[in-house]
N, C-alpha and C. Protein backbone atom coordinates (compact mmCIF):
# COMPACT_ATOMS: atom_id res chain seq x y z
N MET A 1 -2.82 -73.19 -290.39
CA MET A 1 -3.32 -73.88 -289.28
C MET A 1 -4.22 -72.97 -288.45
N ASN A 2 -5.28 -73.53 -287.89
CA ASN A 2 -6.16 -72.75 -287.01
C ASN A 2 -5.44 -72.47 -285.71
N ARG A 3 -5.80 -71.33 -285.14
CA ARG A 3 -5.20 -70.98 -283.82
C ARG A 3 -5.88 -71.89 -282.80
N ILE A 4 -5.05 -72.42 -281.90
CA ILE A 4 -5.59 -73.36 -280.90
C ILE A 4 -5.78 -72.70 -279.55
N PHE A 5 -5.39 -71.47 -279.41
CA PHE A 5 -5.48 -70.84 -278.04
C PHE A 5 -6.83 -70.22 -277.89
N PHE A 6 -7.44 -70.46 -276.73
CA PHE A 6 -8.74 -69.96 -276.39
C PHE A 6 -8.77 -68.46 -276.34
N GLU A 7 -7.74 -67.86 -275.75
CA GLU A 7 -7.67 -66.40 -275.61
C GLU A 7 -7.04 -65.72 -276.77
N ALA A 8 -7.20 -66.33 -277.97
CA ALA A 8 -6.51 -65.92 -279.19
C ALA A 8 -6.47 -64.41 -279.44
N ALA A 9 -7.60 -63.72 -279.26
CA ALA A 9 -7.67 -62.33 -279.59
C ALA A 9 -6.95 -61.44 -278.55
N ASN A 10 -6.72 -61.95 -277.37
CA ASN A 10 -6.19 -61.18 -276.27
C ASN A 10 -4.74 -61.51 -275.93
N ILE A 11 -4.05 -62.38 -276.63
CA ILE A 11 -2.76 -62.81 -276.23
C ILE A 11 -1.63 -62.04 -276.87
N SER A 12 -0.73 -61.52 -276.07
CA SER A 12 0.47 -60.93 -276.56
C SER A 12 1.55 -61.34 -275.65
N PRO A 13 2.80 -61.38 -276.09
CA PRO A 13 3.93 -61.65 -275.20
C PRO A 13 3.95 -60.70 -274.04
N ASP A 14 3.69 -59.40 -274.24
CA ASP A 14 3.72 -58.46 -273.12
C ASP A 14 2.67 -58.81 -272.04
N ALA A 15 1.48 -59.26 -272.52
CA ALA A 15 0.45 -59.63 -271.56
C ALA A 15 0.87 -60.85 -270.73
N LEU A 16 1.53 -61.81 -271.42
CA LEU A 16 2.02 -63.02 -270.70
C LEU A 16 3.10 -62.58 -269.69
N ASN A 17 4.02 -61.73 -270.11
CA ASN A 17 5.05 -61.37 -269.18
C ASN A 17 4.49 -60.57 -268.01
N GLU A 18 3.49 -59.78 -268.24
CA GLU A 18 2.82 -59.07 -267.06
C GLU A 18 2.15 -60.05 -266.17
N ARG A 19 1.49 -61.11 -266.72
CA ARG A 19 0.82 -62.09 -265.95
C ARG A 19 1.79 -62.84 -265.03
N CYS A 20 3.06 -62.95 -265.49
CA CYS A 20 4.05 -63.76 -264.77
C CYS A 20 5.07 -62.92 -263.99
N ALA A 21 4.74 -61.59 -263.78
CA ALA A 21 5.63 -60.76 -263.03
C ALA A 21 5.73 -61.27 -261.61
N ASN A 22 6.97 -61.17 -261.00
CA ASN A 22 7.19 -61.52 -259.69
C ASN A 22 6.99 -63.01 -259.41
N THR A 23 7.31 -63.84 -260.39
CA THR A 23 7.29 -65.30 -260.24
C THR A 23 8.68 -65.87 -260.53
N MET A 24 8.74 -67.15 -260.72
CA MET A 24 10.01 -67.79 -261.14
C MET A 24 10.53 -67.22 -262.42
N ASN A 25 9.61 -66.81 -263.28
CA ASN A 25 9.97 -66.12 -264.60
C ASN A 25 10.94 -64.97 -264.29
N THR A 26 10.59 -64.16 -263.28
CA THR A 26 11.37 -62.98 -262.96
C THR A 26 12.76 -63.45 -262.42
N ALA A 27 12.80 -64.41 -261.54
CA ALA A 27 14.00 -64.90 -260.98
C ALA A 27 14.98 -65.43 -262.00
N LEU A 28 14.46 -66.16 -263.03
CA LEU A 28 15.30 -66.75 -264.04
C LEU A 28 15.43 -65.83 -265.29
N GLY A 29 14.75 -64.72 -265.31
CA GLY A 29 14.86 -63.83 -266.43
C GLY A 29 14.14 -64.28 -267.67
N ILE A 30 13.13 -65.12 -267.50
CA ILE A 30 12.34 -65.67 -268.59
C ILE A 30 11.41 -64.64 -269.13
N ARG A 31 11.34 -64.47 -270.48
CA ARG A 31 10.41 -63.54 -271.10
C ARG A 31 9.76 -64.25 -272.29
N PHE A 32 8.42 -64.17 -272.27
CA PHE A 32 7.70 -64.62 -273.50
C PHE A 32 7.94 -63.71 -274.63
N THR A 33 8.15 -64.26 -275.80
CA THR A 33 8.48 -63.45 -276.96
C THR A 33 7.54 -63.61 -278.18
N GLU A 34 6.81 -64.72 -278.18
CA GLU A 34 5.95 -64.93 -279.33
C GLU A 34 4.84 -65.94 -278.97
N VAL A 35 3.66 -65.68 -279.54
CA VAL A 35 2.55 -66.58 -279.50
C VAL A 35 2.06 -66.77 -280.96
N GLY A 36 2.24 -68.03 -281.45
CA GLY A 36 1.85 -68.35 -282.80
C GLY A 36 0.52 -68.97 -282.84
N ASN A 37 0.12 -69.54 -283.98
CA ASN A 37 -1.13 -70.26 -284.08
C ASN A 37 -1.17 -71.48 -283.22
N ASP A 38 -0.03 -72.15 -283.05
CA ASP A 38 -0.02 -73.39 -282.32
C ASP A 38 1.22 -73.54 -281.43
N TYR A 39 1.86 -72.45 -281.05
CA TYR A 39 3.05 -72.49 -280.21
C TYR A 39 3.18 -71.24 -279.36
N VAL A 40 4.03 -71.39 -278.36
CA VAL A 40 4.39 -70.24 -277.48
C VAL A 40 5.93 -70.32 -277.36
N LYS A 41 6.57 -69.18 -277.39
CA LYS A 41 8.02 -69.08 -277.28
C LYS A 41 8.40 -68.16 -276.11
N ALA A 42 9.56 -68.48 -275.50
CA ALA A 42 10.11 -67.62 -274.48
C ALA A 42 11.65 -67.78 -274.52
N VAL A 43 12.32 -66.72 -274.03
CA VAL A 43 13.77 -66.76 -273.94
C VAL A 43 14.20 -66.64 -272.49
N MET A 44 15.38 -67.23 -272.24
CA MET A 44 15.94 -67.13 -270.91
C MET A 44 17.46 -66.94 -271.01
N PRO A 45 18.01 -66.00 -270.29
CA PRO A 45 19.48 -65.82 -270.31
C PRO A 45 20.12 -66.94 -269.54
N VAL A 46 21.35 -67.31 -269.99
CA VAL A 46 22.15 -68.22 -269.18
C VAL A 46 23.04 -67.35 -268.32
N ALA A 47 22.59 -67.17 -267.07
CA ALA A 47 23.24 -66.21 -266.15
C ALA A 47 23.40 -66.84 -264.77
N GLU A 48 23.78 -66.06 -263.79
CA GLU A 48 24.06 -66.58 -262.46
C GLU A 48 22.87 -67.42 -261.93
N ALA A 49 21.68 -66.99 -262.16
CA ALA A 49 20.53 -67.67 -261.57
C ALA A 49 20.23 -69.00 -262.24
N SER A 50 20.86 -69.26 -263.43
CA SER A 50 20.49 -70.48 -264.15
C SER A 50 21.69 -71.39 -264.44
N ILE A 51 22.88 -71.08 -263.91
CA ILE A 51 24.05 -71.94 -264.22
C ILE A 51 24.39 -72.84 -263.07
N GLN A 52 25.16 -73.88 -263.36
CA GLN A 52 25.78 -74.74 -262.40
C GLN A 52 27.20 -74.29 -262.19
N PRO A 53 27.93 -74.85 -261.26
CA PRO A 53 29.25 -74.38 -260.97
C PRO A 53 30.27 -74.31 -262.10
N LEU A 54 30.06 -75.13 -263.15
CA LEU A 54 31.00 -75.11 -264.26
C LEU A 54 30.69 -73.99 -265.27
N GLY A 55 29.66 -73.17 -264.98
CA GLY A 55 29.28 -72.11 -265.86
C GLY A 55 28.35 -72.46 -266.98
N MET A 56 27.84 -73.74 -266.89
CA MET A 56 26.89 -74.21 -267.91
C MET A 56 25.46 -74.13 -267.44
N LEU A 57 24.51 -74.06 -268.33
CA LEU A 57 23.11 -74.00 -267.98
C LEU A 57 22.77 -75.25 -267.16
N ASN A 58 22.19 -75.00 -266.00
CA ASN A 58 21.75 -76.09 -265.08
C ASN A 58 20.59 -76.80 -265.71
N GLY A 59 20.58 -78.12 -265.63
CA GLY A 59 19.51 -78.91 -266.21
C GLY A 59 18.18 -78.57 -265.53
N GLY A 60 18.24 -78.22 -264.23
CA GLY A 60 16.98 -77.87 -263.53
C GLY A 60 16.40 -76.56 -264.04
N ALA A 61 17.27 -75.63 -264.42
CA ALA A 61 16.80 -74.37 -265.05
C ALA A 61 16.16 -74.65 -266.37
N SER A 62 16.73 -75.55 -267.13
CA SER A 62 16.09 -75.93 -268.41
C SER A 62 14.76 -76.52 -268.19
N MET A 63 14.63 -77.40 -267.16
CA MET A 63 13.33 -78.01 -266.93
C MET A 63 12.32 -77.03 -266.38
N ALA A 64 12.77 -76.03 -265.61
CA ALA A 64 11.86 -74.95 -265.17
C ALA A 64 11.36 -74.17 -266.37
N LEU A 65 12.20 -73.95 -267.36
CA LEU A 65 11.77 -73.29 -268.59
C LEU A 65 10.81 -74.13 -269.31
N VAL A 66 10.99 -75.41 -269.45
CA VAL A 66 10.05 -76.33 -270.08
C VAL A 66 8.70 -76.26 -269.34
N GLU A 67 8.74 -76.30 -268.08
CA GLU A 67 7.48 -76.20 -267.25
C GLU A 67 6.73 -74.95 -267.43
N ILE A 68 7.47 -73.87 -267.44
CA ILE A 68 6.85 -72.57 -267.53
C ILE A 68 6.19 -72.33 -268.90
N VAL A 69 6.92 -72.66 -269.97
CA VAL A 69 6.39 -72.40 -271.31
C VAL A 69 5.31 -73.42 -271.68
N GLY A 70 5.54 -74.69 -271.34
CA GLY A 70 4.46 -75.71 -271.56
C GLY A 70 3.23 -75.42 -270.79
N SER A 71 3.35 -75.07 -269.51
CA SER A 71 2.22 -74.81 -268.71
C SER A 71 1.41 -73.57 -269.24
N MET A 72 2.10 -72.53 -269.61
CA MET A 72 1.44 -71.39 -270.14
C MET A 72 0.67 -71.77 -271.40
N ALA A 73 1.32 -72.46 -272.29
CA ALA A 73 0.66 -72.84 -273.55
C ALA A 73 -0.61 -73.66 -273.30
N ALA A 74 -0.52 -74.62 -272.35
CA ALA A 74 -1.72 -75.43 -272.05
C ALA A 74 -2.82 -74.61 -271.51
N ASN A 75 -2.48 -73.65 -270.61
CA ASN A 75 -3.54 -72.82 -269.98
C ASN A 75 -4.13 -71.81 -270.98
N LEU A 76 -3.40 -71.49 -272.04
CA LEU A 76 -3.94 -70.63 -273.05
C LEU A 76 -4.90 -71.42 -273.96
N ALA A 77 -4.78 -72.74 -273.99
CA ALA A 77 -5.58 -73.57 -274.91
C ALA A 77 -6.85 -74.04 -274.27
N VAL A 78 -7.19 -73.53 -273.04
CA VAL A 78 -8.45 -73.89 -272.42
C VAL A 78 -9.24 -72.60 -272.05
N ASP A 79 -10.47 -72.75 -271.83
CA ASP A 79 -11.33 -71.59 -271.34
C ASP A 79 -11.03 -71.42 -269.84
N ARG A 80 -10.19 -70.41 -269.52
CA ARG A 80 -9.75 -70.30 -268.14
C ARG A 80 -10.89 -69.77 -267.23
N SER A 81 -12.06 -69.45 -267.74
CA SER A 81 -13.15 -69.15 -266.86
C SER A 81 -13.81 -70.44 -266.35
N ARG A 82 -13.44 -71.59 -266.96
CA ARG A 82 -14.02 -72.88 -266.60
C ARG A 82 -12.99 -73.92 -266.22
N PHE A 83 -11.74 -73.83 -266.71
CA PHE A 83 -10.73 -74.87 -266.54
C PHE A 83 -9.37 -74.30 -266.12
N VAL A 84 -8.57 -75.12 -265.56
CA VAL A 84 -7.18 -74.82 -265.27
C VAL A 84 -6.38 -76.04 -265.59
N CYS A 85 -5.09 -75.80 -266.02
CA CYS A 85 -4.23 -76.89 -266.34
C CYS A 85 -3.09 -76.91 -265.26
N PHE A 86 -2.83 -78.11 -264.78
CA PHE A 86 -1.76 -78.31 -263.78
C PHE A 86 -0.76 -79.32 -264.30
N GLY A 87 0.53 -79.15 -263.97
CA GLY A 87 1.57 -80.10 -264.38
C GLY A 87 1.32 -81.50 -263.73
N LEU A 88 1.35 -82.48 -264.53
CA LEU A 88 1.13 -83.86 -264.05
C LEU A 88 2.44 -84.66 -264.14
N ASP A 89 3.19 -84.46 -265.24
CA ASP A 89 4.47 -85.16 -265.41
C ASP A 89 5.35 -84.29 -266.32
N ILE A 90 6.62 -84.35 -266.11
CA ILE A 90 7.57 -83.60 -266.93
C ILE A 90 8.81 -84.48 -267.05
N ASN A 91 9.37 -84.47 -268.30
CA ASN A 91 10.68 -85.17 -268.47
C ASN A 91 11.44 -84.39 -269.52
N GLY A 92 12.73 -84.64 -269.57
CA GLY A 92 13.56 -83.99 -270.56
C GLY A 92 14.83 -84.71 -270.73
N ASN A 93 15.41 -84.45 -271.90
CA ASN A 93 16.75 -84.97 -272.26
C ASN A 93 17.62 -83.78 -272.62
N HIS A 94 18.74 -83.70 -271.96
CA HIS A 94 19.71 -82.60 -272.20
C HIS A 94 20.74 -83.09 -273.17
N VAL A 95 20.85 -82.48 -274.30
CA VAL A 95 21.70 -83.03 -275.43
C VAL A 95 22.90 -82.15 -275.77
N ARG A 96 22.93 -80.91 -275.28
CA ARG A 96 24.01 -80.03 -275.60
C ARG A 96 24.12 -78.96 -274.49
N PRO A 97 25.29 -78.48 -274.15
CA PRO A 97 25.39 -77.44 -273.16
C PRO A 97 25.17 -76.05 -273.72
N ALA A 98 24.83 -75.13 -272.88
CA ALA A 98 24.82 -73.69 -273.12
C ALA A 98 25.67 -73.05 -271.98
N PHE A 99 26.28 -71.94 -272.25
CA PHE A 99 27.20 -71.37 -271.34
C PHE A 99 26.75 -69.92 -270.92
N LYS A 100 27.26 -69.54 -269.76
CA LYS A 100 26.95 -68.19 -269.23
C LYS A 100 27.21 -67.12 -270.26
N GLY A 101 26.29 -66.24 -270.46
CA GLY A 101 26.42 -65.16 -271.43
C GLY A 101 25.58 -65.46 -272.69
N GLN A 102 25.11 -66.66 -272.89
CA GLN A 102 24.25 -66.99 -274.00
C GLN A 102 22.79 -66.80 -273.53
N SER A 103 21.87 -67.03 -274.46
CA SER A 103 20.45 -67.06 -274.12
C SER A 103 19.92 -68.28 -274.86
N VAL A 104 18.83 -68.80 -274.29
CA VAL A 104 18.15 -70.00 -274.86
C VAL A 104 16.73 -69.69 -275.18
N THR A 105 16.17 -70.33 -276.13
CA THR A 105 14.76 -70.17 -276.50
C THR A 105 13.99 -71.47 -276.38
N ALA A 106 12.81 -71.40 -275.72
CA ALA A 106 11.99 -72.55 -275.60
C ALA A 106 10.72 -72.36 -276.41
N THR A 107 10.34 -73.40 -277.17
CA THR A 107 9.15 -73.39 -277.98
C THR A 107 8.27 -74.55 -277.56
N ALA A 108 7.04 -74.26 -277.14
CA ALA A 108 6.10 -75.31 -276.73
C ALA A 108 5.06 -75.49 -277.85
N ARG A 109 4.86 -76.79 -278.28
CA ARG A 109 3.89 -77.13 -279.28
C ARG A 109 3.13 -78.33 -278.76
N PRO A 110 1.85 -78.43 -279.11
CA PRO A 110 1.02 -79.54 -278.59
C PRO A 110 1.30 -80.87 -279.33
N ILE A 111 1.29 -81.92 -278.56
CA ILE A 111 1.36 -83.28 -279.05
C ILE A 111 -0.09 -83.81 -279.00
N HIS A 112 -0.76 -83.48 -277.89
CA HIS A 112 -2.18 -83.94 -277.66
C HIS A 112 -2.88 -82.96 -276.86
N ILE A 113 -4.06 -82.54 -277.27
CA ILE A 113 -4.92 -81.63 -276.53
C ILE A 113 -6.24 -82.36 -276.32
N GLY A 114 -6.43 -82.90 -275.12
CA GLY A 114 -7.64 -83.62 -274.81
C GLY A 114 -8.50 -82.89 -273.83
N SER A 115 -9.59 -83.45 -273.43
CA SER A 115 -10.51 -82.78 -272.50
C SER A 115 -10.04 -82.91 -271.03
N THR A 116 -9.19 -83.92 -270.71
CA THR A 116 -8.70 -84.07 -269.39
C THR A 116 -7.14 -84.02 -269.26
N THR A 117 -6.48 -84.18 -270.38
CA THR A 117 -4.99 -84.07 -270.40
C THR A 117 -4.52 -83.37 -271.65
N HIS A 118 -3.38 -82.76 -271.51
CA HIS A 118 -2.63 -82.20 -272.66
C HIS A 118 -1.21 -82.78 -272.59
N VAL A 119 -0.60 -82.95 -273.69
CA VAL A 119 0.84 -83.29 -273.75
C VAL A 119 1.49 -82.28 -274.69
N TRP A 120 2.50 -81.58 -274.17
CA TRP A 120 3.22 -80.56 -274.93
C TRP A 120 4.70 -80.94 -275.04
N GLU A 121 5.25 -80.75 -276.25
CA GLU A 121 6.72 -80.84 -276.46
C GLU A 121 7.29 -79.44 -276.35
N VAL A 122 8.43 -79.38 -275.69
CA VAL A 122 9.10 -78.07 -275.50
C VAL A 122 10.53 -78.29 -275.94
N ARG A 123 10.93 -77.57 -277.00
CA ARG A 123 12.29 -77.61 -277.48
C ARG A 123 13.04 -76.41 -276.95
N VAL A 124 14.17 -76.64 -276.33
CA VAL A 124 15.02 -75.56 -275.84
C VAL A 124 16.29 -75.53 -276.75
N GLU A 125 16.49 -74.37 -277.40
CA GLU A 125 17.51 -74.22 -278.42
C GLU A 125 18.44 -73.07 -278.10
N ASP A 126 19.64 -73.13 -278.62
CA ASP A 126 20.58 -71.97 -278.39
C ASP A 126 20.38 -70.93 -279.47
N GLU A 127 21.25 -69.96 -279.48
CA GLU A 127 21.17 -68.83 -280.45
C GLU A 127 21.40 -69.24 -281.89
N LYS A 128 21.98 -70.44 -282.07
CA LYS A 128 22.21 -70.96 -283.43
C LYS A 128 21.17 -72.08 -283.78
N ASP A 129 20.03 -72.06 -283.03
CA ASP A 129 18.93 -73.01 -283.31
C ASP A 129 19.38 -74.49 -283.09
N ARG A 130 20.42 -74.70 -282.25
CA ARG A 130 20.82 -76.09 -281.96
C ARG A 130 20.05 -76.51 -280.75
N LEU A 131 19.62 -77.80 -280.80
CA LEU A 131 18.79 -78.36 -279.70
C LEU A 131 19.68 -78.59 -278.45
N LEU A 132 19.24 -78.04 -277.33
CA LEU A 132 19.92 -78.20 -276.08
C LEU A 132 19.17 -79.21 -275.20
N CYS A 133 17.90 -79.09 -275.21
CA CYS A 133 17.02 -79.92 -274.36
C CYS A 133 15.72 -80.13 -275.00
N ILE A 134 15.24 -81.38 -275.02
CA ILE A 134 13.90 -81.68 -275.51
C ILE A 134 13.08 -82.14 -274.28
N GLY A 135 12.01 -81.48 -274.08
CA GLY A 135 11.19 -81.73 -272.88
C GLY A 135 9.79 -82.09 -273.29
N ARG A 136 9.12 -82.78 -272.41
CA ARG A 136 7.69 -83.11 -272.62
C ARG A 136 7.02 -82.91 -271.29
N ILE A 137 5.90 -82.22 -271.30
CA ILE A 137 5.10 -81.98 -270.14
C ILE A 137 3.66 -82.43 -270.32
N THR A 138 3.20 -83.21 -269.40
CA THR A 138 1.76 -83.62 -269.46
C THR A 138 1.05 -82.78 -268.44
N MET A 139 -0.03 -82.23 -268.89
CA MET A 139 -0.87 -81.39 -268.03
C MET A 139 -2.23 -81.96 -267.76
N ALA A 140 -2.64 -81.91 -266.49
CA ALA A 140 -4.03 -82.30 -266.14
C ALA A 140 -4.93 -81.10 -266.36
N VAL A 141 -6.08 -81.33 -267.00
CA VAL A 141 -7.05 -80.33 -267.21
C VAL A 141 -8.19 -80.56 -266.23
N ARG A 142 -8.41 -79.57 -265.33
CA ARG A 142 -9.40 -79.72 -264.29
C ARG A 142 -10.38 -78.55 -264.35
N PRO A 143 -11.68 -78.82 -263.98
CA PRO A 143 -12.61 -77.79 -263.85
C PRO A 143 -12.25 -76.87 -262.69
N LEU A 144 -12.49 -75.54 -262.86
CA LEU A 144 -12.23 -74.65 -261.75
C LEU A 144 -13.23 -74.95 -260.64
N GLU A 145 -12.75 -74.93 -259.42
CA GLU A 145 -13.59 -75.06 -258.28
C GLU A 145 -14.45 -73.80 -258.08
N PRO A 146 -15.77 -73.98 -257.75
CA PRO A 146 -16.58 -72.77 -257.55
C PRO A 146 -16.09 -72.02 -256.34
N SER A 147 -16.19 -70.74 -256.38
CA SER A 147 -15.78 -69.88 -255.24
C SER A 147 -16.71 -70.15 -254.07
N LYS A 148 -16.11 -70.18 -252.89
CA LYS A 148 -16.94 -70.44 -251.67
C LYS A 148 -17.22 -69.17 -250.93
């Protein structure tokens, strides 16, 4: 498969992690781990910042992970000197719990890459590759506003 990411020659997980320093990624412990031809992966620990009172992964933390990984993938798939992608809609289904002390992996893959919208599927899985959450994020693709 051809690489879909615009910045293909310059993308590394370390570069993505540096780009996201001191953001929600830091607060939730999210680290990008892989950029493939048509996907982006990140891991997140199930820890104090991401659990609900029963010690399970909070659904909101799962959806933040879906948003972060899907949004990064969409923005890598456009010419960022001309365009930017913004979240338009997000939804998810939580199908299995994860517990404090585990880590989860999110993988974003495109369903649709158009000139004005993208749709990305993001699978959140546990350490045994079991599906925990399936998310979908729709991104609006907009031209960058000229500097004033």
